[in-house]
C-alpha cells in the first residue's frame, strides 16, 4: 500500500486522468483552432502532466482530507512543485517549453505562476470532494483482474509511445540546435563580407556604419542577398584585386552552403516533428526563439501548400 491505495490502483488512476485530461485539452484546443488537434507530448490519447498532477494532488492532500484549508494548500504546493520541476527538466533536456506563463503576473521563469497555483488548490478540493469519488464509483464495477490486465496493456503501449515521442522531441531539439548554429555562422560570414567589401568601397563603409546589423534570421537573409548582389557587382570589376575577389567568392560559396543546410534542417521538421509542434500550440523555445519561429513559419507554409494540393 502507498497511502490509501495500492501501487496498481495509483497507476490505474494515473492512466484514467491522463485520458480525461487528453479529452479535455484536445477538445478545448480543437474548438479554438477550429480543427482537430491531438493535444500533448504523446501520440496516443494520454496527457501525462494531467495524470501526474491529479495523482500528486490526491497523494499530498490525503493526510489533510478532513480539512479543506490544509487540502487546498497541500494541492497548491504539490502541483506547483510538479509543474516547476517538470517544466524546467523538459526545457533543459529538449530545449522547448510545452507551456509558458511568461505573460502572466507573478510568474517564475515562465514555469509557474500565481494564478495557476491558486487554481491547483481549488482543483485539489474539487478532486477530493467531487471528481475522484465519482471516478471511484465508476471503477468499482470493474473486476480487479480486469484492472490488472488493463494496467499492463496500457503500460506496454504507453512505453512504446513514450519512446517514439521522446525520439521526436529529440529530433526537434537537434533541428533547433542545428538551425541556431547555421544562423550564427551566417552572422559571422555577413561580418566577414562587410569587411571585404568595405576595404574597397567607401560607400559601403558608410552604409554598414549607419545600419545596425540585424539578428533575426529573416532580416539576416535579406541582408545576405544584398551583400551577395554587391559582391557579384564588385567581382565583375576588371581591376578588382585577386585576393579580395577570391575571398568574396569563398564567402559567397559558404553562405550558399549554409542556406542549403538550413533548408535541409527545416525539411526534417515536416514529418513527426510537425505533428509534435501542431499538438502543442503553446510550445515555445526561449533559448532558440528565432530558430523556432522560423521553423514554425516554414511548417505553416508547408501545411498550406499541402492543403492547396489537396
C-alpha atoms as a PDB file:
ATOM      1  CA  UNK A   1       0.000   0.000   0.000  1.00  0.00           C
ATOM      2  CA  UNK A   2       1.096   3.537  -0.798  1.00  0.00           C
ATOM      3  CA  UNK A   3      -1.176   5.731   1.248  1.00  0.00           C
ATOM      4  CA  UNK A   4      -4.744   4.519   0.936  1.00  0.00           C
ATOM      5  CA  UNK A   5      -4.244   2.786  -2.446  1.00  0.00           C
ATOM      6  CA  UNK A   6      -2.092   0.002  -3.854  1.00  0.00           C
ATOM      7  CA  UNK A   7       0.557   0.722  -6.487  1.00  0.00           C
ATOM      8  CA  UNK A   8      -1.681  -0.816  -9.170  1.00  0.00           C
ATOM      9  CA  UNK A   9      -4.551   1.460  -8.161  1.00  0.00           C
ATOM     10  CA  UNK A  10      -2.342   4.559  -8.307  1.00  0.00           C
ATOM     11  CA  UNK A  11      -1.185   3.574 -11.796  1.00  0.00           C
ATOM     12  CA  UNK A  12      -4.781   2.960 -12.871  1.00  0.00           C
ATOM     13  CA  UNK A  13      -5.858   6.393 -11.611  1.00  0.00           C
ATOM     14  CA  UNK A  14      -2.864   7.946 -13.368  1.00  0.00           C
ATOM     15  CA  UNK A  15      -3.979   6.453 -16.698  1.00  0.00           C
ATOM     16  CA  UNK A  16      -7.605   7.436 -16.187  1.00  0.00           C
ATOM     17  CA  UNK A  17      -6.725  11.068 -15.525  1.00  0.00           C
ATOM     18  CA  UNK A  18      -4.177  11.107 -18.358  1.00  0.00           C
ATOM     19  CA  UNK A  19      -7.008  10.078 -20.676  1.00  0.00           C
ATOM     20  CA  UNK A  20      -9.573  12.504 -19.235  1.00  0.00           C
ATOM     21  CA  UNK A  21      -7.014  15.330 -19.426  1.00  0.00           C
ATOM     22  CA  UNK A  22      -6.334  14.469 -23.059  1.00  0.00           C
ATOM     23  CA  UNK A  23     -10.075  14.594 -23.862  1.00  0.00           C
ATOM     24  CA  UNK A  24     -10.437  17.986 -22.189  1.00  0.00           C
ATOM     25  CA  UNK A  25      -7.315  19.552 -23.726  1.00  0.00           C
ATOM     26  CA  UNK A  26      -7.867  18.145 -27.232  1.00  0.00           C
ATOM     27  CA  UNK A  27     -11.494  19.267 -27.354  1.00  0.00           C
ATOM     28  CA  UNK A  28     -10.667  22.709 -25.954  1.00  0.00           C
ATOM     29  CA  UNK A  29      -7.737  23.363 -28.300  1.00  0.00           C
ATOM     30  CA  UNK A  30      -9.579  21.870 -31.300  1.00  0.00           C
ATOM     31  CA  UNK A  31     -12.538  24.168 -30.638  1.00  0.00           C
ATOM     32  CA  UNK A  32     -10.268  27.216 -30.510  1.00  0.00           C
ATOM     33  CA  UNK A  33      -8.277  26.191 -33.611  1.00  0.00           C
ATOM     34  CA  UNK A  34     -11.429  25.075 -35.479  1.00  0.00           C
ATOM     35  CA  UNK A  35      -9.692  21.831 -36.464  1.00  0.00           C
ATOM     36  CA  UNK A  36      -8.903  18.579 -34.686  1.00  0.00           C
ATOM     37  CA  UNK A  37      -5.700  18.748 -32.609  1.00  0.00           C
ATOM     38  CA  UNK A  38      -4.273  15.663 -30.915  1.00  0.00           C
ATOM     39  CA  UNK A  39      -3.066  17.572 -27.882  1.00  0.00           C
ATOM     40  CA  UNK A  40       0.032  16.661 -25.949  1.00  0.00           C
ATOM     41  CA  UNK A  41       3.520  15.221 -25.986  1.00  0.00           C
ATOM     42  CA  UNK A  42       2.454  11.642 -26.785  1.00  0.00           C
ATOM     43  CA  UNK A  43       0.847  10.265 -29.948  1.00  0.00           C
ATOM     44  CA  UNK A  44      -1.824   8.306 -28.063  1.00  0.00           C
ATOM     45  CA  UNK A  45      -4.785   9.670 -26.060  1.00  0.00           C
ATOM     46  CA  UNK A  46      -2.850  10.490 -22.893  1.00  0.00           C
ATOM     47  CA  UNK A  47      -1.561  13.670 -21.270  1.00  0.00           C
ATOM     48  CA  UNK A  48       0.889  12.585 -18.530  1.00  0.00           C
ATOM     49  CA  UNK A  49       1.007  16.034 -16.926  1.00  0.00           C
ATOM     50  CA  UNK A  50      -2.688  15.708 -16.043  1.00  0.00           C
ATOM     51  CA  UNK A  51      -2.302  12.185 -14.664  1.00  0.00           C
ATOM     52  CA  UNK A  52       0.792  13.200 -12.697  1.00  0.00           C
ATOM     53  CA  UNK A  53      -0.895  16.339 -11.434  1.00  0.00           C
ATOM     54  CA  UNK A  54      -4.012  14.589 -10.169  1.00  0.00           C
ATOM     55  CA  UNK A  55      -2.074  11.734  -8.553  1.00  0.00           C
ATOM     56  CA  UNK A  56       0.174  14.320  -6.892  1.00  0.00           C
ATOM     57  CA  UNK A  57      -2.859  16.270  -5.626  1.00  0.00           C
ATOM     58  CA  UNK A  58      -4.530  13.154  -4.213  1.00  0.00           C
ATOM     59  CA  UNK A  59      -1.335  11.891  -2.600  1.00  0.00           C
ATOM     60  CA  UNK A  60      -0.160  15.107  -0.907  1.00  0.00           C
ATOM     61  CA  UNK A  61      -3.645  16.060   0.273  1.00  0.00           C
ATOM     62  CA  UNK A  62      -4.521  12.606   1.667  1.00  0.00           C
ATOM     63  CA  UNK A  63      -3.342  13.354   5.249  1.00  0.00           C
ATOM     64  CA  UNK A  64      -5.493  16.507   5.266  1.00  0.00           C
ATOM     65  CA  UNK A  65      -8.654  15.275   3.531  1.00  0.00           C
ATOM     66  CA  UNK A  66     -10.809  16.215   6.533  1.00  0.00           C
ATOM     67  CA  UNK A  67      -9.530  19.806   6.493  1.00  0.00           C
ATOM     68  CA  UNK A  68     -10.366  21.798   3.345  1.00  0.00           C
ATOM     69  CA  UNK A  69      -7.888  24.591   4.105  1.00  0.00           C
ATOM     70  CA  UNK A  70      -4.933  22.209   4.513  1.00  0.00           C
ATOM     71  CA  UNK A  71      -6.131  20.231   1.484  1.00  0.00           C
ATOM     72  CA  UNK A  72      -6.082  23.443  -0.532  1.00  0.00           C
ATOM     73  CA  UNK A  73      -2.529  24.412   0.453  1.00  0.00           C
ATOM     74  CA  UNK A  74      -1.244  20.857   0.024  1.00  0.00           C
ATOM     75  CA  UNK A  75      -2.569  20.920  -3.546  1.00  0.00           C
ATOM     76  CA  UNK A  76      -1.029  24.333  -4.218  1.00  0.00           C
ATOM     77  CA  UNK A  77       2.428  23.260  -3.040  1.00  0.00           C
ATOM     78  CA  UNK A  78       2.421  19.770  -4.548  1.00  0.00           C
ATOM     79  CA  UNK A  79       1.097  20.666  -8.008  1.00  0.00           C
ATOM     80  CA  UNK A  80       3.218  23.832  -8.278  1.00  0.00           C
ATOM     81  CA  UNK A  81       6.407  21.926  -7.471  1.00  0.00           C
ATOM     82  CA  UNK A  82       5.470  19.264 -10.020  1.00  0.00           C
ATOM     83  CA  UNK A  83       4.871  21.903 -12.695  1.00  0.00           C
ATOM     84  CA  UNK A  84       8.149  23.671 -11.878  1.00  0.00           C
ATOM     85  CA  UNK A  85      10.327  20.552 -11.871  1.00  0.00           C
ATOM     86  CA  UNK A  86       8.683  19.052 -14.980  1.00  0.00           C
ATOM     87  CA  UNK A  87       8.856  22.296 -16.967  1.00  0.00           C
ATOM     88  CA  UNK A  88      12.475  23.018 -16.056  1.00  0.00           C
ATOM     89  CA  UNK A  89      13.600  19.436 -16.736  1.00  0.00           C
ATOM     90  CA  UNK A  90      11.880  19.253 -20.138  1.00  0.00           C
ATOM     91  CA  UNK A  91      13.357  22.568 -21.253  1.00  0.00           C
ATOM     92  CA  UNK A  92      16.841  21.566 -20.077  1.00  0.00           C
ATOM     93  CA  UNK A  93      16.670  18.272 -21.986  1.00  0.00           C
ATOM     94  CA  UNK A  94      14.573  19.184 -25.036  1.00  0.00           C
ATOM     95  CA  UNK A  95      15.194  22.968 -25.383  1.00  0.00           C
ATOM     96  CA  UNK A  96      11.462  23.788 -25.577  1.00  0.00           C
ATOM     97  CA  UNK A  97       8.664  24.561 -23.142  1.00  0.00           C
ATOM     98  CA  UNK A  98       5.333  22.830 -23.537  1.00  0.00           C
ATOM     99  CA  UNK A  99       3.653  25.565 -21.500  1.00  0.00           C
ATOM    100  CA  UNK A 100       4.804  29.092 -20.725  1.00  0.00           C
ATOM    101  CA  UNK A 101       3.469  31.521 -18.116  1.00  0.00           C
ATOM    102  CA  UNK A 102       5.852  34.347 -19.028  1.00  0.00           C
ATOM    103  CA  UNK A 103       2.946  36.631 -19.932  1.00  0.00           C
ATOM    104  CA  UNK A 104       1.228  36.034 -16.575  1.00  0.00           C
ATOM    105  CA  UNK A 105       1.745  38.196 -13.493  1.00  0.00           C
ATOM    106  CA  UNK A 106       3.849  36.811 -10.647  1.00  0.00           C
ATOM    107  CA  UNK A 107       5.412  34.031 -12.692  1.00  0.00           C
ATOM    108  CA  UNK A 108       8.745  32.334 -12.057  1.00  0.00           C
ATOM    109  CA  UNK A 109      10.779  31.951 -15.253  1.00  0.00           C
ATOM    110  CA  UNK A 110       7.592  31.067 -17.114  1.00  0.00           C
ATOM    111  CA  UNK A 111       7.339  27.639 -15.469  1.00  0.00           C
ATOM    112  CA  UNK A 112       4.809  28.518 -12.770  1.00  0.00           C
ATOM    113  CA  UNK A 113       2.618  31.490 -11.884  1.00  0.00           C
ATOM    114  CA  UNK A 114       0.434  32.618  -9.016  1.00  0.00           C
ATOM    115  CA  UNK A 115      -2.914  32.272 -10.818  1.00  0.00           C
ATOM    116  CA  UNK A 116      -2.093  28.716 -11.856  1.00  0.00           C
ATOM    117  CA  UNK A 117      -1.023  27.750  -8.327  1.00  0.00           C
ATOM    118  CA  UNK A 118      -4.220  29.223  -6.861  1.00  0.00           C
ATOM    119  CA  UNK A 119      -6.249  27.199  -9.367  1.00  0.00           C
ATOM    120  CA  UNK A 120      -4.371  23.990  -8.434  1.00  0.00           C
ATOM    121  CA  UNK A 121      -5.519  24.400  -4.827  1.00  0.00           C
ATOM    122  CA  UNK A 122      -9.191  24.694  -5.749  1.00  0.00           C
ATOM    123  CA  UNK A 123      -8.854  21.821  -8.195  1.00  0.00           C
ATOM    124  CA  UNK A 124      -7.404  19.663  -5.403  1.00  0.00           C
ATOM    125  CA  UNK A 125     -10.505  20.280  -3.284  1.00  0.00           C
ATOM    126  CA  UNK A 126     -12.758  19.563  -6.265  1.00  0.00           C
ATOM    127  CA  UNK A 127     -10.877  16.329  -6.974  1.00  0.00           C
ATOM    128  CA  UNK A 128     -11.126  15.097  -3.384  1.00  0.00           C
ATOM    129  CA  UNK A 129     -14.730  16.100  -2.785  1.00  0.00           C
ATOM    130  CA  UNK A 130     -16.431  15.516  -6.148  1.00  0.00           C
ATOM    131  CA  UNK A 131     -14.489  14.173  -9.136  1.00  0.00           C
ATOM    132  CA  UNK A 132     -12.364  11.396  -7.633  1.00  0.00           C
ATOM    133  CA  UNK A 133     -15.219   9.860  -5.615  1.00  0.00           C
ATOM    134  CA  UNK A 134     -17.248   9.758  -8.856  1.00  0.00           C
ATOM    135  CA  UNK A 135     -14.351   8.047 -10.686  1.00  0.00           C
ATOM    136  CA  UNK A 136     -14.021   5.518  -7.847  1.00  0.00           C
ATOM    137  CA  UNK A 137     -17.739   4.768  -8.107  1.00  0.00           C
ATOM    138  CA  UNK A 138     -17.408   4.034 -11.853  1.00  0.00           C
ATOM    139  CA  UNK A 139     -14.254   1.934 -11.434  1.00  0.00           C
ATOM    140  CA  UNK A 140     -15.827  -0.097  -8.619  1.00  0.00           C
ATOM    141  CA  UNK A 141     -17.957  -2.039 -11.115  1.00  0.00           C
ATOM    142  CA  UNK A 142     -14.834  -3.311 -12.947  1.00  0.00           C
ATOM    143  CA  UNK A 143     -13.388  -6.618 -11.643  1.00  0.00           C
ATOM    144  CA  UNK A 144      -9.934  -6.319 -10.061  1.00  0.00           C
ATOM    145  CA  UNK A 145      -8.487  -8.813 -12.529  1.00  0.00           C
ATOM    146  CA  UNK A 146      -9.656  -6.622 -15.412  1.00  0.00           C
ATOM    147  CA  UNK A 147      -7.971  -3.640 -13.715  1.00  0.00           C
ATOM    148  CA  UNK A 148      -4.684  -5.540 -13.648  1.00  0.00           C
ATOM    149  CA  UNK A 149      -4.908  -6.580 -17.302  1.00  0.00           C
ATOM    150  CA  UNK A 150      -5.806  -3.026 -18.313  1.00  0.00           C
ATOM    151  CA  UNK A 151      -2.845  -1.574 -16.400  1.00  0.00           C
ATOM    152  CA  UNK A 152      -0.370  -3.982 -18.015  1.00  0.00           C
ATOM    153  CA  UNK A 153      -1.695  -3.464 -21.553  1.00  0.00           C
ATOM    154  CA  UNK A 154      -1.759   0.317 -21.267  1.00  0.00           C
ATOM    155  CA  UNK A 155       1.691   0.347 -19.627  1.00  0.00           C
ATOM    156  CA  UNK A 156       3.169  -1.576 -22.571  1.00  0.00           C
ATOM    157  CA  UNK A 157       1.503   0.699 -25.142  1.00  0.00           C
ATOM    158  CA  UNK A 158       2.488   3.825 -23.243  1.00  0.00           C
ATOM    159  CA  UNK A 159       6.125   2.710 -23.015  1.00  0.00           C
ATOM    160  CA  UNK A 160       6.282   2.327 -26.812  1.00  0.00           C
ATOM    161  CA  UNK A 161       4.521   5.669 -27.347  1.00  0.00           C
ATOM    162  CA  UNK A 162       6.886   7.369 -24.900  1.00  0.00           C
ATOM    163  CA  UNK A 163       9.965   6.081 -26.737  1.00  0.00           C
ATOM    164  CA  UNK A 164       8.622   7.337 -30.092  1.00  0.00           C
ATOM    165  CA  UNK A 165       7.594  10.694 -28.625  1.00  0.00           C
ATOM    166  CA  UNK A 166      10.954  11.237 -26.917  1.00  0.00           C
ATOM    167  CA  UNK A 167      12.668  10.451 -30.237  1.00  0.00           C
ATOM    168  CA  UNK A 168      10.511  13.102 -31.966  1.00  0.00           C
ATOM    169  CA  UNK A 169      11.242  15.628 -29.205  1.00  0.00           C
ATOM    170  CA  UNK A 170      14.986  14.970 -29.505  1.00  0.00           C
ATOM    171  CA  UNK A 171      14.732  15.408 -33.293  1.00  0.00           C
ATOM    172  CA  UNK A 172      13.075  18.783 -32.732  1.00  0.00           C
ATOM    173  CA  UNK A 173      15.826  19.762 -30.306  1.00  0.00           C
ATOM    174  CA  UNK A 174      18.522  18.756 -32.806  1.00  0.00           C
ATOM    175  CA  UNK A 175      16.821  20.718 -35.598  1.00  0.00           C
ATOM    176  CA  UNK A 176      16.663  23.855 -33.438  1.00  0.00           C
ATOM    177  CA  UNK A 177      20.295  23.495 -32.338  1.00  0.00           C
ATOM    178  CA  UNK A 178      21.355  22.979 -35.967  1.00  0.00           C
ATOM    179  CA  UNK A 179      19.354  25.977 -37.197  1.00  0.00           C
ATOM    180  CA  UNK A 180      20.816  28.167 -34.472  1.00  0.00           C
ATOM    181  CA  UNK A 181      24.350  27.088 -35.422  1.00  0.00           C
ATOM    182  CA  UNK A 182      23.611  27.958 -39.064  1.00  0.00           C
ATOM    183  CA  UNK A 183      22.287  31.364 -38.024  1.00  0.00           C
ATOM    184  CA  UNK A 184      25.439  32.110 -36.003  1.00  0.00           C
ATOM    185  CA  UNK A 185      27.738  31.028 -38.842  1.00  0.00           C
ATOM    186  CA  UNK A 186      25.797  33.204 -41.297  1.00  0.00           C
ATOM    187  CA  UNK A 187      26.152  36.188 -38.954  1.00  0.00           C
ATOM    188  CA  UNK A 188      29.928  35.641 -38.833  1.00  0.00           C
ATOM    189  CA  UNK A 189      30.138  35.408 -42.639  1.00  0.00           C
ATOM    190  CA  UNK A 190      27.990  38.518 -43.003  1.00  0.00           C
ATOM    191  CA  UNK A 191      30.529  40.446 -40.914  1.00  0.00           C
ATOM    192  CA  UNK A 192      33.373  38.980 -42.950  1.00  0.00           C
ATOM    193  CA  UNK A 193      31.642  40.044 -46.178  1.00  0.00           C
ATOM    194  CA  UNK A 194      31.204  43.557 -44.818  1.00  0.00           C
ATOM    195  CA  UNK A 195      34.932  43.812 -44.081  1.00  0.00           C
ATOM    196  CA  UNK A 196      35.911  42.571 -47.541  1.00  0.00           C
ATOM    197  CA  UNK A 197      33.528  44.915 -49.345  1.00  0.00           C
ATOM    198  CA  UNK A 198      34.261  47.899 -47.091  1.00  0.00           C
ATOM    199  CA  UNK A 199      38.009  47.685 -47.815  1.00  0.00           C
ATOM    200  CA  UNK A 200      37.270  48.536 -51.450  1.00  0.00           C
ATOM    201  CA  UNK A 201      34.089  50.580 -51.199  1.00  0.00           C
ATOM    202  CA  UNK A 202      33.806  53.790 -49.145  1.00  0.00           C
ATOM    203  CA  UNK A 203      30.075  53.963 -49.843  1.00  0.00           C
ATOM    204  CA  UNK A 204      29.562  50.527 -48.275  1.00  0.00           C
ATOM    205  CA  UNK A 205      31.569  51.520 -45.192  1.00  0.00           C
ATOM    206  CA  UNK A 206      29.135  54.367 -44.636  1.00  0.00           C
ATOM    207  CA  UNK A 207      26.155  52.044 -45.183  1.00  0.00           C
ATOM    208  CA  UNK A 208      27.380  49.481 -42.624  1.00  0.00           C
ATOM    209  CA  UNK A 209      28.161  52.246 -40.144  1.00  0.00           C
ATOM    210  CA  UNK A 210      24.640  53.702 -40.380  1.00  0.00           C
ATOM    211  CA  UNK A 211      22.702  50.407 -40.479  1.00  0.00           C
ATOM    212  CA  UNK A 212      22.968  48.215 -37.362  1.00  0.00           C
ATOM    213  CA  UNK A 213      23.257  44.512 -38.208  1.00  0.00           C
ATOM    214  CA  UNK A 214      20.043  42.539 -37.807  1.00  0.00           C
ATOM    215  CA  UNK A 215      19.854  39.406 -35.658  1.00  0.00           C
ATOM    216  CA  UNK A 216      16.531  37.979 -36.883  1.00  0.00           C
ATOM    217  CA  UNK A 217      17.045  35.242 -39.450  1.00  0.00           C
ATOM    218  CA  UNK A 218      14.534  36.607 -41.969  1.00  0.00           C
ATOM    219  CA  UNK A 219      16.197  40.030 -41.852  1.00  0.00           C
ATOM    220  CA  UNK A 220      19.662  38.446 -41.987  1.00  0.00           C
ATOM    221  CA  UNK A 221      18.614  36.565 -45.144  1.00  0.00           C
ATOM    222  CA  UNK A 222      17.625  39.840 -46.818  1.00  0.00           C
ATOM    223  CA  UNK A 223      20.916  41.421 -45.785  1.00  0.00           C
ATOM    224  CA  UNK A 224      22.860  38.442 -47.128  1.00  0.00           C
ATOM    225  CA  UNK A 225      21.097  38.705 -50.509  1.00  0.00           C
ATOM    226  CA  UNK A 226      22.010  42.374 -50.659  1.00  0.00           C
ATOM    227  CA  UNK A 227      25.646  41.594 -49.849  1.00  0.00           C
ATOM    228  CA  UNK A 228      25.789  38.807 -52.435  1.00  0.00           C
ATOM    229  CA  UNK A 229      24.486  41.215 -55.074  1.00  0.00           C
ATOM    230  CA  UNK A 230      27.129  43.756 -54.063  1.00  0.00           C
ATOM    231  CA  UNK A 231      29.846  41.094 -54.143  1.00  0.00           C
ATOM    232  CA  UNK A 232      28.756  39.974 -57.607  1.00  0.00           C
ATOM    233  CA  UNK A 233      28.809  43.576 -58.808  1.00  0.00           C
ATOM    234  CA  UNK A 234      32.318  44.078 -57.435  1.00  0.00           C
ATOM    235  CA  UNK A 235      33.583  40.715 -58.717  1.00  0.00           C
ATOM    236  CA  UNK A 236      32.785  41.829 -62.250  1.00  0.00           C
ATOM    237  CA  UNK A 237      35.054  44.878 -61.971  1.00  0.00           C
ATOM    238  CA  UNK A 238      38.124  44.192 -64.162  1.00  0.00           C
ATOM    239  CA  UNK A 239      40.669  45.734 -61.779  1.00  0.00           C
ATOM    240  CA  UNK A 240      39.392  44.065 -58.587  1.00  0.00           C
ATOM    241  CA  UNK A 241      42.421  42.717 -56.662  1.00  0.00           C
ATOM    242  CA  UNK A 242      42.639  38.915 -56.919  1.00  0.00           C
ATOM    243  CA  UNK A 243      42.887  38.192 -53.126  1.00  0.00           C
ATOM    244  CA  UNK A 244      39.695  40.129 -52.366  1.00  0.00           C
ATOM    245  CA  UNK A 245      37.956  38.568 -55.336  1.00  0.00           C
ATOM    246  CA  UNK A 246      38.832  35.052 -54.173  1.00  0.00           C
ATOM    247  CA  UNK A 247      37.775  35.815 -50.603  1.00  0.00           C
ATOM    248  CA  UNK A 248      34.414  37.194 -51.758  1.00  0.00           C
ATOM    249  CA  UNK A 249      33.801  34.094 -53.860  1.00  0.00           C
ATOM    250  CA  UNK A 250      34.673  31.901 -50.857  1.00  0.00           C
ATOM    251  CA  UNK A 251      32.278  33.821 -48.589  1.00  0.00           C
ATOM    252  CA  UNK A 252      29.548  33.578 -51.215  1.00  0.00           C
ATOM    253  CA  UNK A 253      30.038  29.814 -51.545  1.00  0.00           C
ATOM    254  CA  UNK A 254      29.963  29.251 -47.782  1.00  0.00           C
ATOM    255  CA  UNK A 255      26.817  31.347 -47.359  1.00  0.00           C
ATOM    256  CA  UNK A 256      25.151  29.335 -50.117  1.00  0.00           C
ATOM    257  CA  UNK A 257      26.044  26.067 -48.370  1.00  0.00           C
ATOM    258  CA  UNK A 258      24.755  27.350 -45.018  1.00  0.00           C
ATOM    259  CA  UNK A 259      21.437  28.406 -46.548  1.00  0.00           C
ATOM    260  CA  UNK A 260      21.108  24.940 -48.078  1.00  0.00           C
ATOM    261  CA  UNK A 261      21.908  23.340 -44.705  1.00  0.00           C
ATOM    262  CA  UNK A 262      19.255  25.476 -43.047  1.00  0.00           C
ATOM    263  CA  UNK A 263      16.699  24.420 -45.643  1.00  0.00           C
ATOM    264  CA  UNK A 264      17.525  20.729 -45.115  1.00  0.00           C
ATOM    265  CA  UNK A 265      17.085  21.141 -41.349  1.00  0.00           C
ATOM    266  CA  UNK A 266      13.660  22.739 -41.815  1.00  0.00           C
ATOM    267  CA  UNK A 267      12.641  19.960 -44.206  1.00  0.00           C
ATOM    268  CA  UNK A 268      13.402  17.424 -41.467  1.00  0.00           C
ATOM    269  CA  UNK A 269      10.662  19.034 -39.396  1.00  0.00           C
ATOM    270  CA  UNK A 270       7.872  18.242 -41.871  1.00  0.00           C
ATOM    271  CA  UNK A 271       7.301  14.712 -40.524  1.00  0.00           C
ATOM    272  CA  UNK A 272       6.637  13.665 -36.943  1.00  0.00           C
ATOM    273  CA  UNK A 273       8.209  16.855 -35.585  1.00  0.00           C
ATOM    274  CA  UNK A 274       5.485  18.866 -37.339  1.00  0.00           C
ATOM    275  CA  UNK A 275       2.870  16.668 -35.619  1.00  0.00           C
ATOM    276  CA  UNK A 276       4.546  17.307 -32.250  1.00  0.00           C
ATOM    277  CA  UNK A 277       4.513  21.079 -32.729  1.00  0.00           C
ATOM    278  CA  UNK A 278       0.937  21.026 -34.018  1.00  0.00           C
ATOM    279  CA  UNK A 279      -0.197  19.096 -30.942  1.00  0.00           C
ATOM    280  CA  UNK A 280       1.407  21.677 -28.646  1.00  0.00           C
ATOM    281  CA  UNK A 281       0.416  25.121 -29.983  1.00  0.00           C
ATOM    282  CA  UNK A 282       1.626  26.834 -26.783  1.00  0.00           C
ATOM    283  CA  UNK A 283       5.143  25.395 -27.183  1.00  0.00           C
ATOM    284  CA  UNK A 284       7.963  27.952 -27.073  1.00  0.00           C
ATOM    285  CA  UNK A 285      11.765  27.822 -27.094  1.00  0.00           C
ATOM    286  CA  UNK A 286      13.240  30.776 -25.180  1.00  0.00           C
ATOM    287  CA  UNK A 287      16.842  29.760 -25.941  1.00  0.00           C
ATOM    288  CA  UNK A 288      16.233  29.251 -29.673  1.00  0.00           C
ATOM    289  CA  UNK A 289      13.302  31.632 -30.108  1.00  0.00           C
ATOM    290  CA  UNK A 290      14.292  32.939 -33.544  1.00  0.00           C
ATOM    291  CA  UNK A 291      15.070  29.496 -34.989  1.00  0.00           C
ATOM    292  CA  UNK A 292      11.839  28.078 -33.557  1.00  0.00           C
ATOM    293  CA  UNK A 293       9.819  30.929 -35.033  1.00  0.00           C
ATOM    294  CA  UNK A 294      11.494  30.380 -38.397  1.00  0.00           C
ATOM    295  CA  UNK A 295      10.770  26.628 -38.256  1.00  0.00           C
ATOM    296  CA  UNK A 296       7.111  27.198 -37.353  1.00  0.00           C
ATOM    297  CA  UNK A 297       6.777  29.674 -40.220  1.00  0.00           C
ATOM    298  CA  UNK A 298       8.245  27.163 -42.659  1.00  0.00           C
ATOM    299  CA  UNK A 299       5.944  24.390 -41.374  1.00  0.00           C
ATOM    300  CA  UNK A 300       2.927  26.681 -41.712  1.00  0.00           C
ATOM    301  CA  UNK A 301       3.805  27.350 -45.347  1.00  0.00           C
ATOM    302  CA  UNK A 302       4.357  23.619 -45.873  1.00  0.00           C
ATOM    303  CA  UNK A 303       0.922  22.871 -44.400  1.00  0.00           C
ATOM    304  CA  UNK A 304      -0.765  25.484 -46.594  1.00  0.00           C
ATOM    305  CA  UNK A 305       0.895  24.093 -49.714  1.00  0.00           C
ATOM    306  CA  UNK A 306      -0.287  20.585 -48.822  1.00  0.00           C
ATOM    307  CA  UNK A 307      -3.847  21.784 -48.340  1.00  0.00           C
ATOM    308  CA  UNK A 308      -3.644  23.648 -51.659  1.00  0.00           C
ATOM    309  CA  UNK A 309      -2.624  20.462 -53.467  1.00  0.00           C
ATOM    310  CA  UNK A 310      -5.477  18.518 -51.851  1.00  0.00           C
END
